[in-house]
């Protein structure tokens, strides 16, 4: 699969794929007849990169995580720490949003009482 095909299929901007190539995150990408080709392993890494972005990792964190992945199984603990930290941050965000919803519900309830009294 060419870089253009991968970009269209996975809806990843071409510039992003080129950036990942520069970082060496797609180490098995091969040039065949002057065109970069992605194999299944590369596409699996792209899927991992997209997932990391979707769960809130910043680009630098994605690069670090993927480099650890490429470094091998001895980095499992470091990668797990990164995932746990992101999970903790996501839970904190959820709790913040739940608190905001409670406050909004309180204000709405208060306003509805005022409205009922006026009727």
PDB file of N, CA and C in Angstrom:
ATOM      1  N   UNK A   1       0.854  -1.171   0.000  1.00  0.00           N
ATOM      2  CA  UNK A   1       0.000   0.000   0.000  1.00  0.00           C
ATOM      3  C   UNK A   1       0.900   1.236   0.000  1.00  0.00           C
ATOM      4  N   UNK A   2       0.605   2.179  -0.868  1.00  0.00           N
ATOM      5  CA  UNK A   2       1.409   3.396  -0.942  1.00  0.00           C
ATOM      6  C   UNK A   2       1.021   4.339   0.185  1.00  0.00           C
ATOM      7  N   UNK A   3       1.834   5.362   0.384  1.00  0.00           N
ATOM      8  CA  UNK A   3       1.564   6.347   1.425  1.00  0.00           C
ATOM      9  C   UNK A   3       0.244   7.070   1.153  1.00  0.00           C
ATOM     10  N   UNK A   4      -0.046   7.332  -0.121  1.00  0.00           N
ATOM     11  CA  UNK A   4      -1.303   7.999  -0.478  1.00  0.00           C
ATOM     12  C   UNK A   4      -2.498   7.104  -0.168  1.00  0.00           C
ATOM     13  N   UNK A   5      -2.368   5.812  -0.497  1.00  0.00           N
ATOM     14  CA  UNK A   5      -3.447   4.862  -0.210  1.00  0.00           C
ATOM     15  C   UNK A   5      -3.663   4.727   1.295  1.00  0.00           C
ATOM     16  N   UNK A   6      -2.576   4.659   2.053  1.00  0.00           N
ATOM     17  CA  UNK A   6      -2.681   4.563   3.516  1.00  0.00           C
ATOM     18  C   UNK A   6      -3.329   5.823   4.084  1.00  0.00           C
ATOM     19  N   UNK A   7      -2.966   6.967   3.542  1.00  0.00           N
ATOM     20  CA  UNK A   7      -3.543   8.237   3.987  1.00  0.00           C
ATOM     21  C   UNK A   7      -5.051   8.255   3.778  1.00  0.00           C
ATOM     22  N   UNK A   8      -5.485   7.844   2.589  1.00  0.00           N
ATOM     23  CA  UNK A   8      -6.928   7.815   2.287  1.00  0.00           C
ATOM     24  C   UNK A   8      -7.651   6.762   3.123  1.00  0.00           C
ATOM     25  N   UNK A   9      -7.095   5.565   3.164  1.00  0.00           N
ATOM     26  CA  UNK A   9      -7.768   4.449   3.837  1.00  0.00           C
ATOM     27  C   UNK A   9      -7.944   4.699   5.334  1.00  0.00           C
ATOM     28  N   UNK A  10      -6.917   5.243   5.968  1.00  0.00           N
ATOM     29  CA  UNK A  10      -6.959   5.428   7.418  1.00  0.00           C
ATOM     30  C   UNK A  10      -7.237   6.872   7.826  1.00  0.00           C
ATOM     31  N   UNK A  11      -7.483   7.713   6.834  1.00  0.00           N
ATOM     32  CA  UNK A  11      -7.803   9.123   7.060  1.00  0.00           C
ATOM     33  C   UNK A  11      -6.744   9.800   7.932  1.00  0.00           C
ATOM     34  N   UNK A  12      -5.505   9.538   7.579  1.00  0.00           N
ATOM     35  CA  UNK A  12      -4.373  10.173   8.244  1.00  0.00           C
ATOM     36  C   UNK A  12      -3.771  11.145   7.242  1.00  0.00           C
ATOM     37  N   UNK A  13      -3.609  12.403   7.622  1.00  0.00           N
ATOM     38  CA  UNK A  13      -3.013  13.357   6.683  1.00  0.00           C
ATOM     39  C   UNK A  13      -1.652  12.864   6.177  1.00  0.00           C
ATOM     40  N   UNK A  14      -1.413  13.092   4.908  1.00  0.00           N
ATOM     41  CA  UNK A  14      -0.165  12.678   4.268  1.00  0.00           C
ATOM     42  C   UNK A  14       1.042  13.222   5.034  1.00  0.00           C
ATOM     43  N   UNK A  15       0.940  14.471   5.478  1.00  0.00           N
ATOM     44  CA  UNK A  15       2.039  15.103   6.212  1.00  0.00           C
ATOM     45  C   UNK A  15       2.341  14.342   7.505  1.00  0.00           C
ATOM     46  N   UNK A  16       1.292  13.837   8.154  1.00  0.00           N
ATOM     47  CA  UNK A  16       1.474  13.077   9.392  1.00  0.00           C
ATOM     48  C   UNK A  16       2.232  11.787   9.119  1.00  0.00           C
ATOM     49  N   UNK A  17       1.853  11.084   8.057  1.00  0.00           N
ATOM     50  CA  UNK A  17       2.558   9.850   7.698  1.00  0.00           C
ATOM     51  C   UNK A  17       4.027  10.135   7.381  1.00  0.00           C
ATOM     52  N   UNK A  18       4.262  11.220   6.671  1.00  0.00           N
ATOM     53  CA  UNK A  18       5.639  11.577   6.334  1.00  0.00           C
ATOM     54  C   UNK A  18       6.430  11.918   7.597  1.00  0.00           C
ATOM     55  N   UNK A  19       5.756  12.583   8.546  1.00  0.00           N
ATOM     56  CA  UNK A  19       6.404  12.917   9.814  1.00  0.00           C
ATOM     57  C   UNK A  19       6.785  11.642  10.567  1.00  0.00           C
ATOM     58  N   UNK A  20       5.879  10.668  10.606  1.00  0.00           N
ATOM     59  CA  UNK A  20       6.166   9.404  11.283  1.00  0.00           C
ATOM     60  C   UNK A  20       7.319   8.673  10.608  1.00  0.00           C
ATOM     61  N   UNK A  21       7.387   8.757   9.295  1.00  0.00           N
ATOM     62  CA  UNK A  21       8.506   8.140   8.582  1.00  0.00           C
ATOM     63  C   UNK A  21       9.819   8.797   8.992  1.00  0.00           C
ATOM     64  N   UNK A  22       9.802  10.131   9.113  1.00  0.00           N
ATOM     65  CA  UNK A  22      11.017  10.844   9.516  1.00  0.00           C
ATOM     66  C   UNK A  22      11.461  10.423  10.917  1.00  0.00           C
ATOM     67  N   UNK A  23      10.491  10.173  11.809  1.00  0.00           N
ATOM     68  CA  UNK A  23      10.805   9.733  13.169  1.00  0.00           C
ATOM     69  C   UNK A  23      11.293   8.290  13.194  1.00  0.00           C
ATOM     70  N   UNK A  24      11.101   7.581  12.093  1.00  0.00           N
ATOM     71  CA  UNK A  24      11.489   6.177  12.039  1.00  0.00           C
ATOM     72  C   UNK A  24      10.465   5.253  12.667  1.00  0.00           C
ATOM     73  N   UNK A  25       9.222   5.731  12.799  1.00  0.00           N
ATOM     74  CA  UNK A  25       8.187   4.926  13.433  1.00  0.00           C
ATOM     75  C   UNK A  25       7.626   3.867  12.503  1.00  0.00           C
ATOM     76  N   UNK A  26       7.914   3.986  11.242  1.00  0.00           N
ATOM     77  CA  UNK A  26       7.471   2.972  10.273  1.00  0.00           C
ATOM     78  C   UNK A  26       8.722   2.361   9.666  1.00  0.00           C
ATOM     79  N   UNK A  27       9.444   1.663  10.499  1.00  0.00           N
ATOM     80  CA  UNK A  27      10.776   1.210  10.100  1.00  0.00           C
ATOM     81  C   UNK A  27      10.779   0.216   8.949  1.00  0.00           C
ATOM     82  N   UNK A  28       9.659  -0.448   8.725  1.00  0.00           N
ATOM     83  CA  UNK A  28       9.671  -1.448   7.656  1.00  0.00           C
ATOM     84  C   UNK A  28       9.136  -0.908   6.331  1.00  0.00           C
ATOM     85  N   UNK A  29       8.837   0.386   6.259  1.00  0.00           N
ATOM     86  CA  UNK A  29       8.377   0.960   4.997  1.00  0.00           C
ATOM     87  C   UNK A  29       9.494   0.810   3.973  1.00  0.00           C
ATOM     88  N   UNK A  30       9.134   0.277   2.827  1.00  0.00           N
ATOM     89  CA  UNK A  30      10.126   0.015   1.795  1.00  0.00           C
ATOM     90  C   UNK A  30       9.804   0.820   0.543  1.00  0.00           C
ATOM     91  N   UNK A  31      10.841   1.159  -0.167  1.00  0.00           N
ATOM     92  CA  UNK A  31      10.652   1.878  -1.415  1.00  0.00           C
ATOM     93  C   UNK A  31      10.730   0.860  -2.550  1.00  0.00           C
ATOM     94  N   UNK A  32       9.616   0.714  -3.258  1.00  0.00           N
ATOM     95  CA  UNK A  32       9.544  -0.213  -4.384  1.00  0.00           C
ATOM     96  C   UNK A  32       9.244   0.600  -5.637  1.00  0.00           C
ATOM     97  N   UNK A  33      10.150   0.523  -6.599  1.00  0.00           N
ATOM     98  CA  UNK A  33      10.011   1.274  -7.852  1.00  0.00           C
ATOM     99  C   UNK A  33       9.770   2.755  -7.579  1.00  0.00           C
ATOM    100  N   UNK A  34      10.499   3.302  -6.602  1.00  0.00           N
ATOM    101  CA  UNK A  34      10.426   4.727  -6.311  1.00  0.00           C
ATOM    102  C   UNK A  34       9.239   5.151  -5.473  1.00  0.00           C
ATOM    103  N   UNK A  35       8.421   4.201  -5.010  1.00  0.00           N
ATOM    104  CA  UNK A  35       7.228   4.528  -4.225  1.00  0.00           C
ATOM    105  C   UNK A  35       7.314   3.820  -2.874  1.00  0.00           C
ATOM    106  N   UNK A  36       7.096   4.586  -1.794  1.00  0.00           N
ATOM    107  CA  UNK A  36       7.100   3.989  -0.460  1.00  0.00           C
ATOM    108  C   UNK A  36       5.909   3.058  -0.314  1.00  0.00           C
ATOM    109  N   UNK A  37       6.166   1.872   0.231  1.00  0.00           N
ATOM    110  CA  UNK A  37       5.121   0.869   0.426  1.00  0.00           C
ATOM    111  C   UNK A  37       5.002   0.520   1.908  1.00  0.00           C
ATOM    112  N   UNK A  38       3.759   0.433   2.381  1.00  0.00           N
ATOM    113  CA  UNK A  38       3.487   0.047   3.764  1.00  0.00           C
ATOM    114  C   UNK A  38       3.060  -1.414   3.791  1.00  0.00           C
ATOM    115  N   UNK A  39       3.586  -2.168   4.769  1.00  0.00           N
ATOM    116  CA  UNK A  39       3.134  -3.543   4.939  1.00  0.00           C
ATOM    117  C   UNK A  39       2.201  -3.610   6.154  1.00  0.00           C
ATOM    118  N   UNK A  40       1.741  -4.810   6.477  1.00  0.00           N
ATOM    119  CA  UNK A  40       0.784  -4.981   7.574  1.00  0.00           C
ATOM    120  C   UNK A  40       1.337  -4.491   8.909  1.00  0.00           C
ATOM    121  N   UNK A  41       2.613  -4.700   9.140  1.00  0.00           N
ATOM    122  CA  UNK A  41       3.241  -4.254  10.383  1.00  0.00           C
ATOM    123  C   UNK A  41       3.194  -2.729  10.497  1.00  0.00           C
ATOM    124  N   UNK A  42       3.473  -2.045   9.390  1.00  0.00           N
ATOM    125  CA  UNK A  42       3.414  -0.581   9.373  1.00  0.00           C
ATOM    126  C   UNK A  42       2.000  -0.101   9.662  1.00  0.00           C
ATOM    127  N   UNK A  43       1.029  -0.755   9.039  1.00  0.00           N
ATOM    128  CA  UNK A  43      -0.366  -0.355   9.226  1.00  0.00           C
ATOM    129  C   UNK A  43      -0.816  -0.616  10.659  1.00  0.00           C
ATOM    130  N   UNK A  44      -0.294  -1.666  11.263  1.00  0.00           N
ATOM    131  CA  UNK A  44      -0.594  -1.938  12.667  1.00  0.00           C
ATOM    132  C   UNK A  44      -0.038  -0.820  13.552  1.00  0.00           C
ATOM    133  N   UNK A  45       1.161  -0.359  13.236  1.00  0.00           N
ATOM    134  CA  UNK A  45       1.744   0.757  13.988  1.00  0.00           C
ATOM    135  C   UNK A  45       0.927   2.031  13.780  1.00  0.00           C
ATOM    136  N   UNK A  46       0.476   2.258  12.547  1.00  0.00           N
ATOM    137  CA  UNK A  46      -0.362   3.431  12.277  1.00  0.00           C
ATOM    138  C   UNK A  46      -1.637   3.379  13.113  1.00  0.00           C
ATOM    139  N   UNK A  47      -2.217   2.210  13.213  1.00  0.00           N
ATOM    140  CA  UNK A  47      -3.419   2.040  14.022  1.00  0.00           C
ATOM    141  C   UNK A  47      -3.126   2.374  15.481  1.00  0.00           C
ATOM    142  N   UNK A  48      -1.978   1.929  15.975  1.00  0.00           N
ATOM    143  CA  UNK A  48      -1.576   2.228  17.351  1.00  0.00           C
ATOM    144  C   UNK A  48      -1.398   3.735  17.534  1.00  0.00           C
ATOM    145  N   UNK A  49      -0.765   4.377  16.579  1.00  0.00           N
ATOM    146  CA  UNK A  49      -0.539   5.824  16.641  1.00  0.00           C
ATOM    147  C   UNK A  49      -1.868   6.565  16.681  1.00  0.00           C
ATOM    148  N   UNK A  50      -2.793   6.158  15.820  1.00  0.00           N
ATOM    149  CA  UNK A  50      -4.112   6.807  15.791  1.00  0.00           C
ATOM    150  C   UNK A  50      -4.828   6.610  17.125  1.00  0.00           C
ATOM    151  N   UNK A  51      -4.755   5.415  17.682  1.00  0.00           N
ATOM    152  CA  UNK A  51      -5.403   5.138  18.963  1.00  0.00           C
ATOM    153  C   UNK A  51      -4.802   5.998  20.067  1.00  0.00           C
ATOM    154  N   UNK A  52      -3.491   6.103  20.094  1.00  0.00           N
ATOM    155  CA  UNK A  52      -2.839   6.926  21.110  1.00  0.00           C
ATOM    156  C   UNK A  52      -3.286   8.380  21.011  1.00  0.00           C
ATOM    157  N   UNK A  53      -3.380   8.892  19.786  1.00  0.00           N
ATOM    158  CA  UNK A  53      -3.876  10.265  19.605  1.00  0.00           C
ATOM    159  C   UNK A  53      -5.320  10.384  20.082  1.00  0.00           C
ATOM    160  N   UNK A  54      -6.145   9.402  19.734  1.00  0.00           N
ATOM    161  CA  UNK A  54      -7.565   9.449  20.092  1.00  0.00           C
ATOM    162  C   UNK A  54      -7.789   9.425  21.601  1.00  0.00           C
ATOM    163  N   UNK A  55      -6.899   8.775  22.348  1.00  0.00           N
ATOM    164  CA  UNK A  55      -7.071   8.722  23.802  1.00  0.00           C
ATOM    165  C   UNK A  55      -6.398   9.892  24.507  1.00  0.00           C
ATOM    166  N   UNK A  56      -5.845  10.822  23.725  1.00  0.00           N
ATOM    167  CA  UNK A  56      -5.355  12.061  24.314  1.00  0.00           C
ATOM    168  C   UNK A  56      -3.858  12.243  24.390  1.00  0.00           C
ATOM    169  N   UNK A  57      -3.095  11.326  23.828  1.00  0.00           N
ATOM    170  CA  UNK A  57      -1.647  11.510  23.838  1.00  0.00           C
ATOM    171  C   UNK A  57      -1.273  12.673  22.922  1.00  0.00           C
ATOM    172  N   UNK A  58      -0.327  13.484  23.357  1.00  0.00           N
ATOM    173  CA  UNK A  58       0.233  14.539  22.515  1.00  0.00           C
ATOM    174  C   UNK A  58       1.229  13.897  21.545  1.00  0.00           C
ATOM    175  N   UNK A  59       1.560  14.612  20.482  1.00  0.00           N
ATOM    176  CA  UNK A  59       2.459  14.062  19.455  1.00  0.00           C
ATOM    177  C   UNK A  59       3.785  13.587  20.039  1.00  0.00           C
ATOM    178  N   UNK A  60       4.351  14.363  20.955  1.00  0.00           N
ATOM    179  CA  UNK A  60       5.629  13.972  21.567  1.00  0.00           C
ATOM    180  C   UNK A  60       5.478  12.683  22.376  1.00  0.00           C
ATOM    181  N   UNK A  61       4.345  12.543  23.063  1.00  0.00           N
ATOM    182  CA  UNK A  61       4.092  11.325  23.831  1.00  0.00           C
ATOM    183  C   UNK A  61       3.932  10.119  22.903  1.00  0.00           C
ATOM    184  N   UNK A  62       3.256  10.335  21.785  1.00  0.00           N
ATOM    185  CA  UNK A  62       3.094   9.256  20.802  1.00  0.00           C
ATOM    186  C   UNK A  62       4.464   8.828  20.289  1.00  0.00           C
ATOM    187  N   UNK A  63       5.287   9.799  19.971  1.00  0.00           N
ATOM    188  CA  UNK A  63       6.626   9.480  19.469  1.00  0.00           C
ATOM    189  C   UNK A  63       7.410   8.678  20.511  1.00  0.00           C
ATOM    190  N   UNK A  64       7.344   9.113  21.772  1.00  0.00           N
ATOM    191  CA  UNK A  64       8.046   8.402  22.846  1.00  0.00           C
ATOM    192  C   UNK A  64       7.522   6.980  22.996  1.00  0.00           C
ATOM    193  N   UNK A  65       6.194   6.845  23.024  1.00  0.00           N
ATOM    194  CA  UNK A  65       5.581   5.524  23.184  1.00  0.00           C
ATOM    195  C   UNK A  65       5.989   4.597  22.042  1.00  0.00           C
ATOM    196  N   UNK A  66       5.914   5.109  20.825  1.00  0.00           N
ATOM    197  CA  UNK A  66       6.232   4.276  19.667  1.00  0.00           C
ATOM    198  C   UNK A  66       7.713   3.907  19.640  1.00  0.00           C
ATOM    199  N   UNK A  67       8.562   4.816  20.072  1.00  0.00           N
ATOM    200  CA  UNK A  67       9.985   4.485  20.126  1.00  0.00           C
ATOM    201  C   UNK A  67      10.227   3.380  21.152  1.00  0.00           C
ATOM    202  N   UNK A  68       9.529   3.471  22.290  1.00  0.00           N
ATOM    203  CA  UNK A  68       9.630   2.405  23.292  1.00  0.00           C
ATOM    204  C   UNK A  68       9.138   1.077  22.718  1.00  0.00           C
ATOM    205  N   UNK A  69       8.043   1.135  21.967  1.00  0.00           N
ATOM    206  CA  UNK A  69       7.504  -0.072  21.339  1.00  0.00           C
ATOM    207  C   UNK A  69       8.532  -0.703  20.402  1.00  0.00           C
ATOM    208  N   UNK A  70       9.171   0.140  19.601  1.00  0.00           N
ATOM    209  CA  UNK A  70      10.181  -0.355  18.665  1.00  0.00           C
ATOM    210  C   UNK A  70      11.413  -0.891  19.393  1.00  0.00           C
ATOM    211  N   UNK A  71      11.661  -0.370  20.604  1.00  0.00           N
ATOM    212  CA  UNK A  71      12.827  -0.811  21.377  1.00  0.00           C
ATOM    213  C   UNK A  71      12.666  -2.224  21.931  1.00  0.00           C
ATOM    214  N   UNK A  72      11.427  -2.707  22.010  1.00  0.00           N
ATOM    215  CA  UNK A  72      11.238  -4.102  22.402  1.00  0.00           C
ATOM    216  C   UNK A  72      10.496  -4.320  23.704  1.00  0.00           C
ATOM    217  N   UNK A  73      10.398  -5.590  24.061  1.00  0.00           N
ATOM    218  CA  UNK A  73       9.565  -5.997  25.193  1.00  0.00           C
ATOM    219  C   UNK A  73      10.109  -5.541  26.542  1.00  0.00           C
ATOM    220  N   UNK A  74      11.375  -5.181  26.624  1.00  0.00           N
ATOM    221  CA  UNK A  74      11.907  -4.710  27.904  1.00  0.00           C
ATOM    222  C   UNK A  74      11.364  -3.325  28.284  1.00  0.00           C
ATOM    223  N   UNK A  75      10.591  -2.704  27.388  1.00  0.00           N
ATOM    224  CA  UNK A  75      10.007  -1.380  27.672  1.00  0.00           C
ATOM    225  C   UNK A  75       8.532  -1.466  28.060  1.00  0.00           C
ATOM    226  N   UNK A  76       8.035  -2.676  28.265  1.00  0.00           N
ATOM    227  CA  UNK A  76       6.612  -2.863  28.574  1.00  0.00           C
ATOM    228  C   UNK A  76       6.210  -2.039  29.794  1.00  0.00           C
ATOM    229  N   UNK A  77       7.020  -2.060  30.842  1.00  0.00           N
ATOM    230  CA  UNK A  77       6.684  -1.340  32.076  1.00  0.00           C
ATOM    231  C   UNK A  77       6.579   0.169  31.825  1.00  0.00           C
ATOM    232  N   UNK A  78       7.484   0.721  31.044  1.00  0.00           N
ATOM    233  CA  UNK A  78       7.443   2.154  30.729  1.00  0.00           C
ATOM    234  C   UNK A  78       6.184   2.506  29.936  1.00  0.00           C
ATOM    235  N   UNK A  79       5.842   1.658  28.973  1.00  0.00           N
ATOM    236  CA  UNK A  79       4.637   1.908  28.173  1.00  0.00           C
ATOM    237  C   UNK A  79       3.389   1.794  29.028  1.00  0.00           C
ATOM    238  N   UNK A  80       3.379   0.830  29.930  1.00  0.00           N
ATOM    239  CA  UNK A  80       2.245   0.666  30.833  1.00  0.00           C
ATOM    240  C   UNK A  80       2.098   1.888  31.736  1.00  0.00           C
ATOM    241  N   UNK A  81       3.204   2.430  32.215  1.00  0.00           N
ATOM    242  CA  UNK A  81       3.170   3.650  33.030  1.00  0.00           C
ATOM    243  C   UNK A  81       2.563   4.809  32.240  1.00  0.00           C
ATOM    244  N   UNK A  82       2.931   4.925  30.972  1.00  0.00           N
ATOM    245  CA  UNK A  82       2.380   5.997  30.132  1.00  0.00           C
ATOM    246  C   UNK A  82       0.873   5.834  29.973  1.00  0.00           C
ATOM    247  N   UNK A  83       0.429   4.595  29.723  1.00  0.00           N
ATOM    248  CA  UNK A  83      -1.003   4.341  29.560  1.00  0.00           C
ATOM    249  C   UNK A  83      -1.752   4.589  30.866  1.00  0.00           C
ATOM    250  N   UNK A  84      -1.173   4.169  31.986  1.00  0.00           N
ATOM    251  CA  UNK A  84      -1.813   4.402  33.281  1.00  0.00           C
ATOM    252  C   UNK A  84      -1.927   5.889  33.596  1.00  0.00           C
ATOM    253  N   UNK A  85      -0.896   6.654  33.256  1.00  0.00           N
ATOM    254  CA  UNK A  85      -0.935   8.099  33.487  1.00  0.00           C
ATOM    255  C   UNK A  85      -2.030   8.745  32.643  1.00  0.00           C
ATOM    256  N   UNK A  86      -2.166   8.313  31.397  1.00  0.00           N
ATOM    257  CA  UNK A  86      -3.206   8.873  30.526  1.00  0.00           C
ATOM    258  C   UNK A  86      -4.585   8.488  31.033  1.00  0.00           C
ATOM    259  N   UNK A  87      -4.720   7.258  31.524  1.00  0.00           N
ATOM    260  CA  UNK A  87      -5.999   6.803  32.078  1.00  0.00           C
ATOM    261  C   UNK A  87      -6.371   7.633  33.302  1.00  0.00           C
ATOM    262  N   UNK A  88      -5.392   7.881  34.160  1.00  0.00           N
ATOM    263  CA  UNK A  88      -5.633   8.696  35.360  1.00  0.00           C
ATOM    264  C   UNK A  88      -6.079  10.101  34.961  1.00  0.00           C
ATOM    265  N   UNK A  89      -5.429  10.681  33.970  1.00  0.00           N
ATOM    266  CA  UNK A  89      -5.801  12.020  33.501  1.00  0.00           C
ATOM    267  C   UNK A  89      -7.215  12.016  32.925  1.00  0.00           C
ATOM    268  N   UNK A  90      -7.571  10.955  32.203  1.00  0.00           N
ATOM    269  CA  UNK A  90      -8.921  10.857  31.631  1.00  0.00           C
ATOM    270  C   UNK A  90      -9.962  10.754  32.736  1.00  0.00           C
ATOM    271  N   UNK A  91      -9.676   9.972  33.775  1.00  0.00           N
ATOM    272  CA  UNK A  91     -10.606   9.859  34.905  1.00  0.00           C
ATOM    273  C   UNK A  91     -10.772  11.195  35.627  1.00  0.00           C
ATOM    274  N   UNK A  92      -9.681  11.922  35.790  1.00  0.00           N
ATOM    275  CA  UNK A  92      -9.754  13.243  36.424  1.00  0.00           C
ATOM    276  C   UNK A  92     -10.624  14.182  35.592  1.00  0.00           C
ATOM    277  N   UNK A  93     -10.489  14.102  34.284  1.00  0.00           N
ATOM    278  CA  UNK A  93     -11.308  14.922  33.383  1.00  0.00           C
ATOM    279  C   UNK A  93     -12.781  14.543  33.506  1.00  0.00           C
ATOM    280  N   UNK A  94     -13.059  13.255  33.593  1.00  0.00           N
ATOM    281  CA  UNK A  94     -14.444  12.795  33.758  1.00  0.00           C
ATOM    282  C   UNK A  94     -15.020  13.339  35.060  1.00  0.00           C
ATOM    283  N   UNK A  95     -14.260  13.251  36.133  1.00  0.00           N
ATOM    284  CA  UNK A  95     -14.743  13.747  37.428  1.00  0.00           C
ATOM    285  C   UNK A  95     -15.001  15.254  37.380  1.00  0.00           C
ATOM    286  N   UNK A  96     -14.130  15.975  36.709  1.00  0.00           N
ATOM    287  CA  UNK A  96     -14.323  17.415  36.552  1.00  0.00           C
ATOM    288  C   UNK A  96     -15.617  17.698  35.800  1.00  0.00           C
ATOM    289  N   UNK A  97     -15.834  16.983  34.703  1.00  0.00           N
ATOM    290  CA  UNK A  97     -17.053  17.179  33.900  1.00  0.00           C
ATOM    291  C   UNK A  97     -18.302  16.783  34.684  1.00  0.00           C
ATOM    292  N   UNK A  98     -18.220  15.707  35.478  1.00  0.00           N
ATOM    293  CA  UNK A  98     -19.364  15.311  36.302  1.00  0.00           C
ATOM    294  C   UNK A  98     -19.704  16.401  37.309  1.00  0.00           C
ATOM    295  N   UNK A  99     -18.695  17.004  37.902  1.00  0.00           N
ATOM    296  CA  UNK A  99     -18.909  18.095  38.853  1.00  0.00           C
ATOM    297  C   UNK A  99     -19.542  19.299  38.156  1.00  0.00           C
ATOM    298  N   UNK A 100     -19.076  19.599  36.965  1.00  0.00           N
ATOM    299  CA  UNK A 100     -19.665  20.703  36.202  1.00  0.00           C
ATOM    300  C   UNK A 100     -21.129  20.423  35.889  1.00  0.00           C
ATOM    301  N   UNK A 101     -21.442  19.189  35.531  1.00  0.00           N
ATOM    302  CA  UNK A 101     -22.837  18.826  35.255  1.00  0.00           C
ATOM    303  C   UNK A 101     -23.703  18.970  36.499  1.00  0.00           C
ATOM    304  N   UNK A 102     -23.182  18.552  37.646  1.00  0.00           N
ATOM    305  CA  UNK A 102     -23.936  18.719  38.899  1.00  0.00           C
ATOM    306  C   UNK A 102     -24.222  20.190  39.167  1.00  0.00           C
ATOM    307  N   UNK A 103     -23.232  21.023  38.947  1.00  0.00           N
ATOM    308  CA  UNK A 103     -23.417  22.461  39.165  1.00  0.00           C
ATOM    309  C   UNK A 103     -24.434  23.038  38.182  1.00  0.00           C
ATOM    310  N   UNK A 104     -24.341  22.618  36.938  1.00  0.00           N
ATOM    311  CA  UNK A 104     -25.314  23.078  35.941  1.00  0.00           C
ATOM    312  C   UNK A 104     -26.723  22.620  36.300  1.00  0.00           C
ATOM    313  N   UNK A 105     -26.865  21.382  36.729  1.00  0.00           N
ATOM    314  CA  UNK A 105     -28.179  20.873  37.128  1.00  0.00           C
ATOM    315  C   UNK A 105     -28.731  21.654  38.314  1.00  0.00           C
ATOM    316  N   UNK A 106     -27.877  21.996  39.259  1.00  0.00           N
ATOM    317  CA  UNK A 106     -28.304  22.794  40.409  1.00  0.00           C
ATOM    318  C   UNK A 106     -28.831  24.153  39.945  1.00  0.00           C
ATOM    319  N   UNK A 107     -28.073  24.808  39.078  1.00  0.00           N
ATOM    320  CA  UNK A 107     -28.491  26.126  38.579  1.00  0.00           C
ATOM    321  C   UNK A 107     -29.782  26.026  37.774  1.00  0.00           C
ATOM    322  N   UNK A 108     -29.908  24.998  36.953  1.00  0.00           N
ATOM    323  CA  UNK A 108     -31.140  24.809  36.179  1.00  0.00           C
ATOM    324  C   UNK A 108     -32.332  24.582  37.103  1.00  0.00           C
ATOM    325  N   UNK A 109     -32.141  23.745  38.114  1.00  0.00           N
ATOM    326  CA  UNK A 109     -33.214  23.454  39.068  1.00  0.00           C
ATOM    327  C   UNK A 109     -33.645  24.733  39.789  1.00  0.00           C
ATOM    328  N   UNK A 110     -32.679  25.503  40.197  1.00  0.00           N
ATOM    329  CA  UNK A 110     -32.956  26.767  40.893  1.00  0.00           C
ATOM    330  C   UNK A 110     -33.753  27.709  39.985  1.00  0.00           C
ATOM    331  N   UNK A 111     -33.359  27.787  38.742  1.00  0.00           N
ATOM    332  CA  UNK A 111     -34.036  28.665  37.789  1.00  0.00           C
ATOM    333  C   UNK A 111     -35.441  28.163  37.470  1.00  0.00           C
ATOM    334  N   UNK A 112     -35.618  26.869  37.382  1.00  0.00           N
ATOM    335  CA  UNK A 112     -36.950  26.307  37.133  1.00  0.00           C
ATOM    336  C   UNK A 112     -37.897  26.607  38.290  1.00  0.00           C
ATOM    337  N   UNK A 113     -37.384  26.611  39.511  1.00  0.00           N
ATOM    338  CA  UNK A 113     -38.208  26.960  40.673  1.00  0.00           C
ATOM    339  C   UNK A 113     -38.679  28.411  40.581  1.00  0.00           C
ATOM    340  N   UNK A 114     -37.775  29.292  40.166  1.00  0.00           N
ATOM    341  CA  UNK A 114     -38.134  30.708  40.002  1.00  0.00           C
ATOM    342  C   UNK A 114     -39.209  30.838  38.936  1.00  0.00           C
ATOM    343  N   UNK A 115     -39.039  30.132  37.843  1.00  0.00           N
ATOM    344  CA  UNK A 115     -40.000  30.174  36.738  1.00  0.00           C
ATOM    345  C   UNK A 115     -41.370  29.683  37.205  1.00  0.00           C
ATOM    346  N   UNK A 116     -41.412  28.603  37.971  1.00  0.00           N
ATOM    347  CA  UNK A 116     -42.683  28.060  38.470  1.00  0.00           C
ATOM    348  C   UNK A 116     -43.369  29.033  39.424  1.00  0.00           C
ATOM    349  N   UNK A 117     -42.604  29.737  40.211  1.00  0.00           N
ATOM    350  CA  UNK A 117     -43.175  30.698  41.158  1.00  0.00           C
ATOM    351  C   UNK A 117     -43.807  31.877  40.426  1.00  0.00           C
ATOM    352  N   UNK A 118     -43.263  32.210  39.267  1.00  0.00           N
ATOM    353  CA  UNK A 118     -43.793  33.336  38.499  1.00  0.00           C
ATOM    354  C   UNK A 118     -45.070  32.968  37.764  1.00  0.00           C
ATOM    355  N   UNK A 119     -45.313  31.693  37.569  1.00  0.00           N
ATOM    356  CA  UNK A 119     -46.499  31.267  36.804  1.00  0.00           C
ATOM    357  C   UNK A 119     -47.727  31.231  37.626  1.00  0.00           C
TER     358      UNK A 119
END
